[in-house]
């Protein structure tokens, strides 16, 4: 199950991504927002994060105008590795090396055609299971300074 969330700046791109997920028959939960009316992105980041941390969803996709704010909001939570990606190489690398569980996109940065390819890459690239990558993830999770 995939958790989706966005603010007003990501609403239109989220609609494109939902269409792609529907075509691929991939299950998702849309946690909002439901229009282009101004809202606060941390609210929607939190909803997606909670769905992942509870086990209700395996991965998430968050979208705001740039992808920056919503990824910062998501990365506040231990166990979340949200990666802002602007191309397929980044999406592939973050899954292989970081086992990222949330893809962040900028609705005003990435067009719908590229966004769908990034989503496809993110969802279909497995974690490498490499020991050096596992160790780095452990180090990220342990850091509490």
Foldseek 3Di string as FASTA:
>chain_A
DEEEEEFLQCQVLVVLLVVLCVVVVHDYDYPDDDHNPGDDLLVRLVVRLVCCVVVVDQAYEYEYQALPVSQVSNVVDQPADEDEDQAQVSLQCCQQQVVHRYYTYHSNRHDNVRVNNNVVSNVPHHHNPDPVSVVVNVVVNPDDD
